[in-house]
C-alpha atoms as a PDB file:
ATOM      1  CA  PRO A   1      -8.382  40.530  12.142  1.00  0.00           C
ATOM      2  CA  SER A   2      -7.578  37.575  14.278  1.00  0.00           C
ATOM      3  CA  SER A   3      -4.939  35.025  13.388  1.00  0.00           C
ATOM      4  CA  SER A   4      -5.011  31.270  13.347  1.00  0.00           C
ATOM      5  CA  SER A   5      -3.378  29.422  16.196  1.00  0.00           C
ATOM      6  CA  ASN A   6      -1.001  27.479  13.964  1.00  0.00           C
ATOM      7  CA  THR A   7       2.357  29.177  13.516  1.00  0.00           C
ATOM      8  CA  THR A   8       4.236  28.808  10.265  1.00  0.00           C
ATOM      9  CA  THR A   9       7.587  30.063   9.055  1.00  0.00           C
ATOM     10  CA  VAL A  10       7.471  33.023   6.704  1.00  0.00           C
ATOM     11  CA  SER A  11       9.613  32.640   3.585  1.00  0.00           C
ATOM     12  CA  SER A  12      12.456  35.164   3.196  1.00  0.00           C
ATOM     13  CA  ASN A  13      12.317  35.902   6.904  1.00  0.00           C
ATOM     14  CA  THR A  14      13.443  34.177  10.055  1.00  0.00           C
ATOM     15  CA  ALA A  15      10.361  35.236  12.031  1.00  0.00           C
ATOM     16  CA  THR A  16       7.660  32.753  12.936  1.00  0.00           C
ATOM     17  CA  ILE A  17       4.170  34.225  12.747  1.00  0.00           C
ATOM     18  CA  SER A  18       0.601  33.066  12.361  1.00  0.00           C
ATOM     19  CA  ALA A  19      -1.128  33.091   8.999  1.00  0.00           C
ATOM     20  CA  PRO A  20      -4.056  35.543   8.980  1.00  0.00           C
ATOM     21  CA  LEU A  21      -7.485  34.005   8.535  1.00  0.00           C
ATOM     22  CA  GLN A  22      -8.167  36.466   5.732  1.00  0.00           C
ATOM     23  CA  ALA A  23      -5.610  38.986   4.520  1.00  0.00           C
ATOM     24  CA  TYR A  24      -7.807  40.642   1.903  1.00  0.00           C
ATOM     25  CA  ASN A  25     -11.094  42.488   2.086  1.00  0.00           C
ATOM     26  CA  ASP A  26     -14.176  41.079   0.369  1.00  0.00           C
ATOM     27  CA  VAL A  27     -13.946  43.692  -2.411  1.00  0.00           C
ATOM     28  CA  LYS A  28     -10.579  42.321  -3.569  1.00  0.00           C
ATOM     29  CA  GLY A  29     -10.067  43.149  -7.242  1.00  0.00           C
ATOM     30  CA  LYS A  30     -13.139  45.389  -7.577  1.00  0.00           C
ATOM     31  CA  SER A  31     -12.734  48.980  -8.759  1.00  0.00           C
ATOM     32  CA  ASP A  32     -16.313  49.840  -9.672  1.00  0.00           C
ATOM     33  CA  ILE A  33     -17.968  49.673  -6.250  1.00  0.00           C
ATOM     34  CA  THR A  34     -21.521  50.989  -6.452  1.00  0.00           C
ATOM     35  CA  ASP A  35     -22.895  50.212  -2.988  1.00  0.00           C
ATOM     36  CA  ALA A  36     -20.498  52.095  -0.684  1.00  0.00           C
ATOM     37  CA  LEU A  37     -22.033  54.221   2.050  1.00  0.00           C
ATOM     38  CA  ALA A  38     -19.945  57.232   1.028  1.00  0.00           C
ATOM     39  CA  TYR A  39     -17.611  58.414  -1.724  1.00  0.00           C
ATOM     40  CA  ASP A  40     -14.857  61.012  -1.678  1.00  0.00           C
ATOM     41  CA  CYS A  41     -14.608  63.979  -4.028  1.00  0.00           C
ATOM     42  CA  HIS A  42     -12.933  61.720  -6.616  1.00  0.00           C
ATOM     43  CA  TRP A  43     -15.802  59.191  -6.490  1.00  0.00           C
ATOM     44  CA  ASN A  44     -13.698  56.547  -4.806  1.00  0.00           C
ATOM     45  CA  PRO A  45     -15.430  54.712  -1.926  1.00  0.00           C
ATOM     46  CA  VAL A  46     -14.631  55.932   1.591  1.00  0.00           C
ATOM     47  CA  GLY A  47     -13.507  53.435   4.236  1.00  0.00           C
ATOM     48  CA  ARG A  48     -10.596  51.041   4.670  1.00  0.00           C
ATOM     49  CA  GLU A  49     -12.911  48.085   4.081  1.00  0.00           C
ATOM     50  CA  TYR A  50     -12.558  49.058   0.404  1.00  0.00           C
ATOM     51  CA  ASP A  51      -8.773  48.636   0.464  1.00  0.00           C
ATOM     52  CA  LEU A  52      -7.212  45.427  -0.830  1.00  0.00           C
ATOM     53  CA  GLY A  53      -5.568  44.474   2.470  1.00  0.00           C
ATOM     54  CA  ARG A  54      -7.285  44.215   5.822  1.00  0.00           C
ATOM     55  CA  ASP A  55      -6.011  46.379   8.655  1.00  0.00           C
ATOM     56  CA  GLY A  56      -3.450  44.531  10.772  1.00  0.00           C
ATOM     57  CA  ALA A  57      -3.372  41.460   8.529  1.00  0.00           C
ATOM     58  CA  PHE A  58       0.255  41.968   7.498  1.00  0.00           C
ATOM     59  CA  MET A  59       1.859  41.921  10.929  1.00  0.00           C
ATOM     60  CA  GLY A  60       5.187  40.108  10.908  1.00  0.00           C
ATOM     61  CA  PHE A  61       6.092  41.350   7.421  1.00  0.00           C
ATOM     62  CA  SER A  62       8.557  44.128   6.698  1.00  0.00           C
ATOM     63  CA  ILE A  63       8.954  46.748   3.982  1.00  0.00           C
ATOM     64  CA  LEU A  64      12.211  48.560   3.275  1.00  0.00           C
ATOM     65  CA  ILE A  65      11.828  52.013   1.714  1.00  0.00           C
ATOM     66  CA  GLY A  66      14.940  52.987  -0.225  1.00  0.00           C
ATOM     67  CA  GLN A  67      14.444  56.696  -0.861  1.00  0.00           C
ATOM     68  CA  LEU A  68      17.396  57.218  -3.179  1.00  0.00           C
ATOM     69  CA  TYR A  69      15.989  60.449  -4.607  1.00  0.00           C
ATOM     70  CA  SER A  70      17.089  63.172  -2.197  1.00  0.00           C
ATOM     71  CA  GLY A  71      14.457  65.716  -3.217  1.00  0.00           C
ATOM     72  CA  ILE A  72      11.778  64.297  -0.929  1.00  0.00           C
ATOM     73  CA  PRO A  73      11.897  65.827   2.566  1.00  0.00           C
ATOM     74  CA  HIS A  74      12.162  62.977   5.069  1.00  0.00           C
ATOM     75  CA  THR A  75       9.103  64.204   6.920  1.00  0.00           C
ATOM     76  CA  ASP A  76       7.009  63.974   3.738  1.00  0.00           C
ATOM     77  CA  MET A  77       7.328  60.176   3.699  1.00  0.00           C
ATOM     78  CA  HIS A  78       5.578  59.744   7.037  1.00  0.00           C
ATOM     79  CA  ARG A  79       2.099  59.548   5.516  1.00  0.00           C
ATOM     80  CA  SER A  80       2.932  56.569   3.325  1.00  0.00           C
ATOM     81  CA  ILE A  81       4.837  54.914   6.178  1.00  0.00           C
ATOM     82  CA  ASP A  82       1.912  55.424   8.569  1.00  0.00           C
ATOM     83  CA  ALA A  83      -0.524  54.010   5.990  1.00  0.00           C
ATOM     84  CA  LEU A  84       1.583  50.861   5.615  1.00  0.00           C
ATOM     85  CA  LYS A  85       1.735  50.430   9.388  1.00  0.00           C
ATOM     86  CA  VAL A  86      -2.078  50.423   9.571  1.00  0.00           C
ATOM     87  CA  LYS A  87      -1.990  47.191   7.566  1.00  0.00           C
ATOM     88  CA  GLY A  88       0.497  45.717  10.031  1.00  0.00           C
ATOM     89  CA  PHE A  89       3.760  46.178   8.128  1.00  0.00           C
ATOM     90  CA  HIS A  90       6.989  47.022   9.887  1.00  0.00           C
ATOM     91  CA  VAL A  91       8.665  49.768   7.840  1.00  0.00           C
ATOM     92  CA  LYS A  92      12.314  50.813   7.656  1.00  0.00           C
ATOM     93  CA  HIS A  93      13.187  54.021   5.777  1.00  0.00           C
ATOM     94  CA  VAL A  94      16.713  54.571   4.420  1.00  0.00           C
ATOM     95  CA  THR A  95      18.084  57.286   2.153  1.00  0.00           C
ATOM     96  CA  THR A  96      21.378  55.989   0.739  1.00  0.00           C
ATOM     97  CA  GLU A  97      22.374  53.131  -1.545  1.00  0.00           C
ATOM     98  CA  ASP A  98      24.841  51.773   1.015  1.00  0.00           C
ATOM     99  CA  GLU A  99      22.156  51.606   3.709  1.00  0.00           C
ATOM    100  CA  CYS A 100      19.754  50.010   1.255  1.00  0.00           C
ATOM    101  CA  ILE A 101      22.266  47.335   0.235  1.00  0.00           C
ATOM    102  CA  LYS A 102      23.016  46.527   3.876  1.00  0.00           C
ATOM    103  CA  GLU A 103      19.328  46.155   4.708  1.00  0.00           C
ATOM    104  CA  LEU A 104      18.550  44.124   1.574  1.00  0.00           C
ATOM    105  CA  ASP A 105      21.347  41.719   2.433  1.00  0.00           C
ATOM    106  CA  SER A 106      20.004  41.271   5.983  1.00  0.00           C
ATOM    107  CA  ASN A 107      17.171  38.997   4.792  1.00  0.00           C
ATOM    108  CA  GLN A 108      14.710  40.835   7.050  1.00  0.00           C
ATOM    109  CA  TYR A 109      12.377  42.243   4.388  1.00  0.00           C
ATOM    110  CA  GLN A 110       9.796  40.823   2.014  1.00  0.00           C
ATOM    111  CA  VAL A 111       9.144  44.025   0.028  1.00  0.00           C
ATOM    112  CA  VAL A 112      11.414  46.916  -0.937  1.00  0.00           C
ATOM    113  CA  TRP A 113      10.475  50.281  -2.407  1.00  0.00           C
ATOM    114  CA  ILE A 114      13.148  51.865  -4.612  1.00  0.00           C
ATOM    115  CA  ILE A 115      12.651  55.569  -5.355  1.00  0.00           C
ATOM    116  CA  SER A 116      15.006  56.257  -8.248  1.00  0.00           C
ATOM    117  CA  ASP A 117      17.534  59.070  -8.474  1.00  0.00           C
ATOM    118  CA  THR A 118      19.416  60.627 -11.396  1.00  0.00           C
ATOM    119  CA  LYS A 119      22.452  58.355 -11.162  1.00  0.00           C
ATOM    120  CA  ILE A 120      23.699  55.215  -9.469  1.00  0.00           C
ATOM    121  CA  GLY A 121      26.577  55.749  -7.065  1.00  0.00           C
ATOM    122  CA  ASN A 122      27.129  52.180  -5.891  1.00  0.00           C
ATOM    123  CA  ARG A 123      26.422  49.666  -8.631  1.00  0.00           C
ATOM    124  CA  ASP A 124      26.130  46.875  -6.079  1.00  0.00           C
ATOM    125  CA  ILE A 125      22.593  48.129  -5.482  1.00  0.00           C
ATOM    126  CA  ILE A 126      21.433  46.487  -8.720  1.00  0.00           C
ATOM    127  CA  SER A 127      22.970  43.104  -7.938  1.00  0.00           C
ATOM    128  CA  SER A 128      21.494  43.280  -4.420  1.00  0.00           C
ATOM    129  CA  LEU A 129      18.052  43.969  -5.882  1.00  0.00           C
ATOM    130  CA  THR A 130      18.451  41.129  -8.380  1.00  0.00           C
ATOM    131  CA  THR A 131      19.397  38.674  -5.636  1.00  0.00           C
ATOM    132  CA  PHE A 132      16.594  39.929  -3.396  1.00  0.00           C
ATOM    133  CA  GLN A 133      13.964  39.479  -6.115  1.00  0.00           C
ATOM    134  CA  SER A 134      15.232  36.092  -7.294  1.00  0.00           C
ATOM    135  CA  ASN A 135      15.011  34.861  -3.690  1.00  0.00           C
ATOM    136  CA  GLY A 136      11.365  35.854  -3.330  1.00  0.00           C
ATOM    137  CA  GLY A 137      11.607  39.520  -2.398  1.00  0.00           C
ATOM    138  CA  ALA A 138       9.128  41.879  -4.062  1.00  0.00           C
ATOM    139  CA  ILE A 139      10.124  45.247  -5.513  1.00  0.00           C
ATOM    140  CA  PHE A 140       8.080  48.442  -5.889  1.00  0.00           C
ATOM    141  CA  LEU A 141      10.056  50.576  -8.347  1.00  0.00           C
ATOM    142  CA  PHE A 142       9.342  54.296  -8.467  1.00  0.00           C
ATOM    143  CA  ALA A 143      10.580  56.534 -11.271  1.00  0.00           C
ATOM    144  CA  ASP A 144       9.639  60.001 -12.483  1.00  0.00           C
ATOM    145  CA  ASN A 145      10.621  62.201 -15.394  1.00  0.00           C
ATOM    146  CA  THR A 146      14.069  61.682 -16.928  1.00  0.00           C
ATOM    147  CA  PRO A 147      16.678  61.769 -15.387  1.00  0.00           C
ATOM    148  CA  TYR A 148      14.982  60.487 -12.200  1.00  0.00           C
ATOM    149  CA  VAL A 149      14.824  56.968 -13.581  1.00  0.00           C
ATOM    150  CA  SER A 150      18.307  55.530 -13.039  1.00  0.00           C
ATOM    151  CA  HIS A 151      17.660  52.718 -10.560  1.00  0.00           C
ATOM    152  CA  ALA A 152      14.415  51.559 -12.160  1.00  0.00           C
ATOM    153  CA  ASN A 153      15.955  51.796 -15.623  1.00  0.00           C
ATOM    154  CA  GLU A 154      19.050  49.790 -14.719  1.00  0.00           C
ATOM    155  CA  PHE A 155      17.178  47.046 -12.875  1.00  0.00           C
ATOM    156  CA  LEU A 156      14.431  46.615 -15.478  1.00  0.00           C
ATOM    157  CA  GLY A 157      16.935  46.683 -18.318  1.00  0.00           C
ATOM    158  CA  LYS A 158      18.907  43.883 -16.722  1.00  0.00           C
ATOM    159  CA  THR A 159      15.817  41.865 -15.772  1.00  0.00           C
ATOM    160  CA  PHE A 160      13.439  42.298 -18.729  1.00  0.00           C
ATOM    161  CA  GLY A 161      15.229  44.339 -21.382  1.00  0.00           C
ATOM    162  CA  VAL A 162      12.887  47.230 -20.542  1.00  0.00           C
ATOM    163  CA  THR A 163      14.128  50.813 -20.275  1.00  0.00           C
ATOM    164  CA  VAL A 164      12.434  53.811 -18.646  1.00  0.00           C
ATOM    165  CA  GLU A 165      12.407  57.316 -20.114  1.00  0.00           C
ATOM    166  CA  GLY A 166      10.237  60.363 -20.761  1.00  0.00           C
ATOM    167  CA  ASP A 167       9.166  63.697 -19.315  1.00  0.00           C
ATOM    168  CA  TYR A 168       5.447  64.044 -19.887  1.00  0.00           C
ATOM    169  CA  HIS A 169       3.487  66.605 -17.889  1.00  0.00           C
ATOM    170  CA  GLY A 170       0.420  64.599 -16.973  1.00  0.00           C
ATOM    171  CA  ALA A 171      -1.398  65.847 -13.871  1.00  0.00           C
ATOM    172  CA  THR A 172      -4.730  64.351 -14.913  1.00  0.00           C
ATOM    173  CA  THR A 173      -6.862  61.568 -13.464  1.00  0.00           C
ATOM    174  CA  LEU A 174      -7.075  58.084 -14.939  1.00  0.00           C
ATOM    175  CA  THR A 175     -10.404  56.253 -14.884  1.00  0.00           C
ATOM    176  CA  TYR A 176     -11.185  52.581 -14.455  1.00  0.00           C
ATOM    177  CA  ALA A 177     -12.505  50.794 -17.528  1.00  0.00           C
ATOM    178  CA  GLU A 178     -13.200  47.115 -17.993  1.00  0.00           C
ATOM    179  CA  ASN A 179     -10.188  45.717 -19.868  1.00  0.00           C
ATOM    180  CA  GLY A 180      -8.845  49.271 -19.913  1.00  0.00           C
ATOM    181  CA  HIS A 181      -5.228  48.418 -19.101  1.00  0.00           C
ATOM    182  CA  GLN A 182      -3.900  49.785 -22.392  1.00  0.00           C
ATOM    183  CA  GLN A 183      -6.558  52.407 -23.138  1.00  0.00           C
ATOM    184  CA  LYS A 184      -5.313  55.992 -23.071  1.00  0.00           C
ATOM    185  CA  GLY A 185      -6.200  57.624 -19.753  1.00  0.00           C
ATOM    186  CA  HIS A 186      -7.466  54.408 -18.163  1.00  0.00           C
ATOM    187  CA  PHE A 187      -6.535  51.420 -16.043  1.00  0.00           C
ATOM    188  CA  GLY A 188      -8.087  47.966 -16.019  1.00  0.00           C
ATOM    189  CA  GLN A 189      -8.933  45.221 -13.556  1.00  0.00           C
ATOM    190  CA  HIS A 190      -6.203  44.399 -11.087  1.00  0.00           C
ATOM    191  CA  GLU A 191      -6.030  43.756  -7.355  1.00  0.00           C
ATOM    192  CA  ILE A 192      -3.771  46.808  -7.039  1.00  0.00           C
ATOM    193  CA  PHE A 193      -6.742  48.983  -8.038  1.00  0.00           C
ATOM    194  CA  THR A 194      -9.171  47.539  -5.489  1.00  0.00           C
ATOM    195  CA  GLY A 195     -11.491  50.335  -4.366  1.00  0.00           C
ATOM    196  CA  VAL A 196     -10.034  52.768  -6.918  1.00  0.00           C
ATOM    197  CA  LYS A 197     -12.239  54.049  -9.733  1.00  0.00           C
ATOM    198  CA  ASN A 198     -10.261  57.231 -10.380  1.00  0.00           C
ATOM    199  CA  LEU A 199      -6.487  57.513  -9.988  1.00  0.00           C
ATOM    200  CA  TYR A 200      -4.154  60.495 -10.282  1.00  0.00           C
ATOM    201  CA  GLU A 201      -1.444  59.714 -12.837  1.00  0.00           C
ATOM    202  CA  GLY A 202       1.302  61.964 -11.442  1.00  0.00           C
ATOM    203  CA  VAL A 203       2.782  65.283 -12.526  1.00  0.00           C
ATOM    204  CA  THR A 204       5.945  64.743 -14.588  1.00  0.00           C
ATOM    205  CA  ILE A 205       5.997  61.109 -15.603  1.00  0.00           C
ATOM    206  CA  CYS A 206       8.069  58.667 -17.603  1.00  0.00           C
ATOM    207  CA  HIS A 207       7.142  55.385 -19.275  1.00  0.00           C
ATOM    208  CA  PRO A 208       8.666  51.966 -19.932  1.00  0.00           C
ATOM    209  CA  VAL A 209      10.058  51.245 -23.392  1.00  0.00           C
ATOM    210  CA  TYR A 210       9.679  47.606 -24.364  1.00  0.00           C
ATOM    211  CA  SER A 211      12.402  45.901 -26.378  1.00  0.00           C
ATOM    212  CA  SER A 212      10.035  43.235 -27.716  1.00  0.00           C
ATOM    213  CA  GLU A 213       6.436  42.076 -27.615  1.00  0.00           C
ATOM    214  CA  GLY A 214       7.623  39.290 -25.343  1.00  0.00           C
ATOM    215  CA  SER A 215       8.872  41.765 -22.748  1.00  0.00           C
ATOM    216  CA  ARG A 216       5.460  43.485 -22.807  1.00  0.00           C
ATOM    217  CA  LYS A 217       3.762  40.153 -22.109  1.00  0.00           C
ATOM    218  CA  THR A 218       6.117  39.511 -19.188  1.00  0.00           C
ATOM    219  CA  PHE A 219       6.210  42.994 -17.663  1.00  0.00           C
ATOM    220  CA  VAL A 220       2.553  43.793 -18.149  1.00  0.00           C
ATOM    221  CA  PRO A 221       1.025  47.290 -18.511  1.00  0.00           C
ATOM    222  CA  ILE A 222      -1.977  47.748 -16.215  1.00  0.00           C
ATOM    223  CA  ALA A 223      -2.473  51.524 -16.526  1.00  0.00           C
ATOM    224  CA  THR A 224      -2.002  53.930 -19.423  1.00  0.00           C
ATOM    225  CA  ALA A 225      -1.329  57.633 -18.931  1.00  0.00           C
ATOM    226  CA  SER A 226      -3.178  60.433 -20.677  1.00  0.00           C
ATOM    227  CA  ASP A 227      -0.450  60.531 -23.354  1.00  0.00           C
ATOM    228  CA  GLY A 228      -1.076  56.893 -24.301  1.00  0.00           C
ATOM    229  CA  ASN A 229       2.075  55.484 -22.686  1.00  0.00           C
ATOM    230  CA  THR A 230       2.188  52.885 -19.926  1.00  0.00           C
ATOM    231  CA  CYS A 231       2.493  54.446 -16.467  1.00  0.00           C
ATOM    232  CA  ILE A 232       2.065  51.380 -14.210  1.00  0.00           C
ATOM    233  CA  ALA A 233       3.319  47.887 -15.057  1.00  0.00           C
ATOM    234  CA  VAL A 234       3.713  44.662 -13.103  1.00  0.00           C
ATOM    235  CA  TYR A 235       5.523  41.363 -13.180  1.00  0.00           C
ATOM    236  CA  ASP A 236       3.731  38.442 -11.572  1.00  0.00           C
ATOM    237  CA  PRO A 237       5.725  35.195 -11.738  1.00  0.00           C
ATOM    238  CA  PRO A 238       3.512  32.459 -13.199  1.00  0.00           C
ATOM    239  CA  ALA A 239       2.081  29.962 -10.744  1.00  0.00           C
ATOM    240  CA  SER A 240       3.690  27.186 -12.774  1.00  0.00           C
ATOM    241  CA  SER A 241       7.153  28.692 -12.326  1.00  0.00           C
ATOM    242  CA  THR A 242       9.649  26.604 -10.394  1.00  0.00           C
ATOM    243  CA  SER A 243      11.591  29.720  -9.401  1.00  0.00           C
ATOM    244  CA  ASN A 244      11.064  31.662  -6.189  1.00  0.00           C
ATOM    245  CA  GLU A 245      10.905  35.094  -7.812  1.00  0.00           C
ATOM    246  CA  GLY A 246       9.131  37.990  -6.152  1.00  0.00           C
ATOM    247  CA  ARG A 247       6.586  40.267  -7.785  1.00  0.00           C
ATOM    248  CA  ILE A 248       7.534  43.657  -9.255  1.00  0.00           C
ATOM    249  CA  CYS A 249       5.549  46.859  -9.783  1.00  0.00           C
ATOM    250  CA  LEU A 250       6.717  50.001 -11.607  1.00  0.00           C
ATOM    251  CA  ASP A 251       5.138  53.394 -10.973  1.00  0.00           C
ATOM    252  CA  CYS A 252       6.229  56.149 -13.358  1.00  0.00           C
ATOM    253  CA  GLY A 253       5.386  59.244 -11.303  1.00  0.00           C
ATOM    254  CA  PHE A 254       6.826  59.132  -7.793  1.00  0.00           C
ATOM    255  CA  THR A 255       5.960  62.712  -6.831  1.00  0.00           C
ATOM    256  CA  LYS A 256       2.546  61.317  -5.867  1.00  0.00           C
ATOM    257  CA  LEU A 257       4.256  59.919  -2.766  1.00  0.00           C
ATOM    258  CA  TYR A 258       4.702  63.370  -1.265  1.00  0.00           C
ATOM    259  CA  CYS A 259       3.108  66.075  -3.447  1.00  0.00           C
ATOM    260  CA  ASN A 260      -0.117  64.286  -4.320  1.00  0.00           C
ATOM    261  CA  TRP A 261      -0.834  61.830  -1.508  1.00  0.00           C
ATOM    262  CA  ASP A 262      -4.380  63.212  -1.244  1.00  0.00           C
ATOM    263  CA  ALA A 263      -4.988  63.168  -5.002  1.00  0.00           C
ATOM    264  CA  ALA A 264      -7.449  60.707  -6.525  1.00  0.00           C
ATOM    265  CA  GLY A 265      -6.814  57.174  -5.290  1.00  0.00           C
ATOM    266  CA  THR A 266      -3.111  57.670  -4.514  1.00  0.00           C
ATOM    267  CA  ALA A 267      -2.951  56.476  -0.908  1.00  0.00           C
ATOM    268  CA  ARG A 268      -5.156  53.431  -1.490  1.00  0.00           C
ATOM    269  CA  TYR A 269      -3.331  52.403  -4.665  1.00  0.00           C
ATOM    270  CA  ILE A 270       0.129  52.666  -3.064  1.00  0.00           C
ATOM    271  CA  VAL A 271      -0.865  50.574  -0.046  1.00  0.00           C
ATOM    272  CA  ASN A 272      -2.817  48.101  -2.212  1.00  0.00           C
ATOM    273  CA  ALA A 273       0.233  47.611  -4.416  1.00  0.00           C
ATOM    274  CA  SER A 274       2.434  46.957  -1.395  1.00  0.00           C
ATOM    275  CA  CYS A 275      -0.018  44.328  -0.107  1.00  0.00           C
ATOM    276  CA  TRP A 276      -0.267  42.692  -3.545  1.00  0.00           C
ATOM    277  CA  LEU A 277       3.494  42.640  -3.990  1.00  0.00           C
ATOM    278  CA  LEU A 278       3.920  40.629  -0.797  1.00  0.00           C
ATOM    279  CA  ARG A 279       1.899  37.731  -2.227  1.00  0.00           C
ATOM    280  CA  ILE A 280       0.983  36.780   1.308  1.00  0.00           C
ATOM    281  CA  GLU A 281      -0.834  33.628   0.233  1.00  0.00           C
ATOM    282  CA  ASN A 282       2.536  32.128  -0.771  1.00  0.00           C
ATOM    283  CA  ARG A 283       4.453  33.233   2.325  1.00  0.00           C
ATOM    284  CA  PHE A 284       3.504  30.383   4.623  1.00  0.00           C
ATOM    285  CA  THR A 285       4.918  26.881   4.497  1.00  0.00           C
END
């Protein structure tokens, strides 16, 4: 898509870029799309016009991928990186906590992915993430079965009083249902699920444990695994908030990033979530 001629400064970045005329496709927020020209074998509509973000609309924005879990071959991340680049994102991929901290502190990124490992080696990673998010950076947290939850668990515990645990063998497909956010085996309406009617839940998955009903209302479940536990949750700072906090998304089955990229809805959901996390409509001043 074309860009407007007026340049504006992007928050949390020193670059000056033009605001896109329209960052999102017309189907924004719709999962049950009945008039697509074609559907894949999972009955999700075929074509990038059914994604949340328009191709190329996110040029000038950067995503840092902190792959702290070492079990993913580096070459297996290229499909997710390539998919993000189609939307216009610049992507940097690092594999150690020290590299991740250095990049987070550079103020060059608007979104960071954190793929959790079994333990935290450098505890400064949590304070760097906290500072990043409180200054407007968005975080996509990935966890899997215990013990591959450490970074997500530590950050969410500090931020919301939410812990992450569990080792459920899922490997089934979740289905969209109106208001289905907390229905077993379903997900509900959310921009992250644009163009996704069926979504693979992951293989071995964990779930968030809420310390209070208040924490559940703040860090909101939007998808429920086939065992009845939350498997995707989000934090969206209220519009009335005077803080500059970034959005947060938790995914509880990160093997989908490399083992199940072609499973139901995975690629679209991951890229949609990254576009939503950016909150592009608030990035121009």
